[in-house]
């Protein structure tokens, strides 16, 4: 599977993240995917990030937030399985 190489932080990206109330990974992932489908499972996914990706990324996506104290659950795996079937 491809691996995302995180970009160096920049003032421009930081300002955009603050403006849209995004986690710093959100824009980096959407830019890296460049319109391709991607699934992101993380404990730092926010509603603002989900909305931003739905608006600005024109590919099939799944942003699956997980509870940091629980980790990935069967519910999360089922969501991934359903997404992969539809991707």
Protein backbone atom coordinates (compact mmCIF):
# COMPACT_ATOMS: atom_id res chain seq x y z
CA UNK A 1 0.00 0.00 0.00
CA UNK A 2 1.23 3.52 -0.69
CA UNK A 3 2.54 5.47 2.26
CA UNK A 4 1.99 9.17 2.83
CA UNK A 5 5.18 11.15 3.36
CA UNK A 6 4.06 14.07 5.50
CA UNK A 7 5.07 17.50 4.22
CA UNK A 8 7.03 19.94 6.29
CA UNK A 9 4.76 22.38 8.12
CA UNK A 10 4.30 25.76 6.45
CA UNK A 11 2.75 29.01 7.60
CA UNK A 12 0.31 28.87 4.65
CA UNK A 13 -0.92 25.36 5.52
CA UNK A 14 -1.17 26.25 9.19
CA UNK A 15 -3.33 29.29 8.44
CA UNK A 16 -5.63 27.24 6.19
CA UNK A 17 -5.97 24.56 8.87
CA UNK A 18 -6.86 27.19 11.46
CA UNK A 19 -9.34 28.89 9.12
CA UNK A 20 -11.21 25.65 8.41
CA UNK A 21 -10.62 24.19 11.90
CA UNK A 22 -8.77 21.22 10.40
CA UNK A 23 -6.32 18.76 11.83
CA UNK A 24 -2.98 19.23 10.05
CA UNK A 25 -3.21 15.78 8.39
CA UNK A 26 -6.49 16.51 6.60
CA UNK A 27 -5.24 18.76 3.81
CA UNK A 28 -2.02 16.78 3.45
CA UNK A 29 -3.95 13.55 2.88
CA UNK A 30 -6.36 15.10 0.38
CA UNK A 31 -3.48 16.70 -1.51
CA UNK A 32 -1.54 13.43 -1.53
CA UNK A 33 -4.58 11.48 -2.77
CA UNK A 34 -5.05 14.01 -5.60
CA UNK A 35 -8.61 12.90 -6.41
CA UNK A 36 -7.95 9.18 -5.88
CA UNK A 37 -9.99 7.17 -3.38
CA UNK A 38 -8.60 7.02 0.13
CA UNK A 39 -9.62 5.75 3.56
CA UNK A 40 -8.33 7.38 6.72
CA UNK A 41 -8.76 5.80 10.15
CA UNK A 42 -7.57 8.02 12.98
CA UNK A 43 -8.45 9.27 16.44
CA UNK A 44 -7.99 12.89 15.31
CA UNK A 45 -10.61 13.09 12.56
CA UNK A 46 -13.07 15.91 13.18
CA UNK A 47 -16.46 16.81 11.75
CA UNK A 48 -14.82 19.89 10.20
CA UNK A 49 -12.28 17.65 8.48
CA UNK A 50 -14.95 15.30 7.19
CA UNK A 51 -16.93 18.25 5.79
CA UNK A 52 -13.80 19.79 4.24
CA UNK A 53 -12.82 16.54 2.49
CA UNK A 54 -16.37 16.07 1.19
CA UNK A 55 -16.24 19.58 -0.29
CA UNK A 56 -12.69 19.76 -1.65
CA UNK A 57 -11.67 16.18 -2.48
CA UNK A 58 -13.32 14.78 -5.59
CA UNK A 59 -12.70 11.10 -4.98
CA UNK A 60 -14.33 8.32 -3.00
CA UNK A 61 -13.29 8.67 0.65
CA UNK A 62 -13.86 7.24 4.07
CA UNK A 63 -12.87 9.20 7.13
CA UNK A 64 -13.40 6.82 10.03
CA UNK A 65 -12.85 8.39 13.44
CA UNK A 66 -11.83 6.02 16.21
CA UNK A 67 -11.82 6.43 19.96
CA UNK A 68 -8.20 6.68 21.10
CA UNK A 69 -8.92 4.74 24.27
CA UNK A 70 -10.55 1.85 22.35
CA UNK A 71 -8.53 1.70 19.13
CA UNK A 72 -9.97 0.16 15.99
CA UNK A 73 -13.13 -1.79 16.75
CA UNK A 74 -15.23 -4.31 14.82
CA UNK A 75 -17.51 -1.40 13.87
CA UNK A 76 -14.55 0.39 12.26
CA UNK A 77 -13.49 -2.75 10.40
CA UNK A 78 -17.03 -3.23 9.11
CA UNK A 79 -17.08 0.37 7.86
CA UNK A 80 -13.76 -0.21 6.07
CA UNK A 81 -15.00 -3.45 4.56
CA UNK A 82 -18.15 -1.74 3.25
CA UNK A 83 -16.09 1.16 1.87
CA UNK A 84 -13.67 -1.17 0.06
CA UNK A 85 -16.58 -3.01 -1.52
CA UNK A 86 -17.90 0.29 -2.86
CA UNK A 87 -14.53 1.84 -3.80
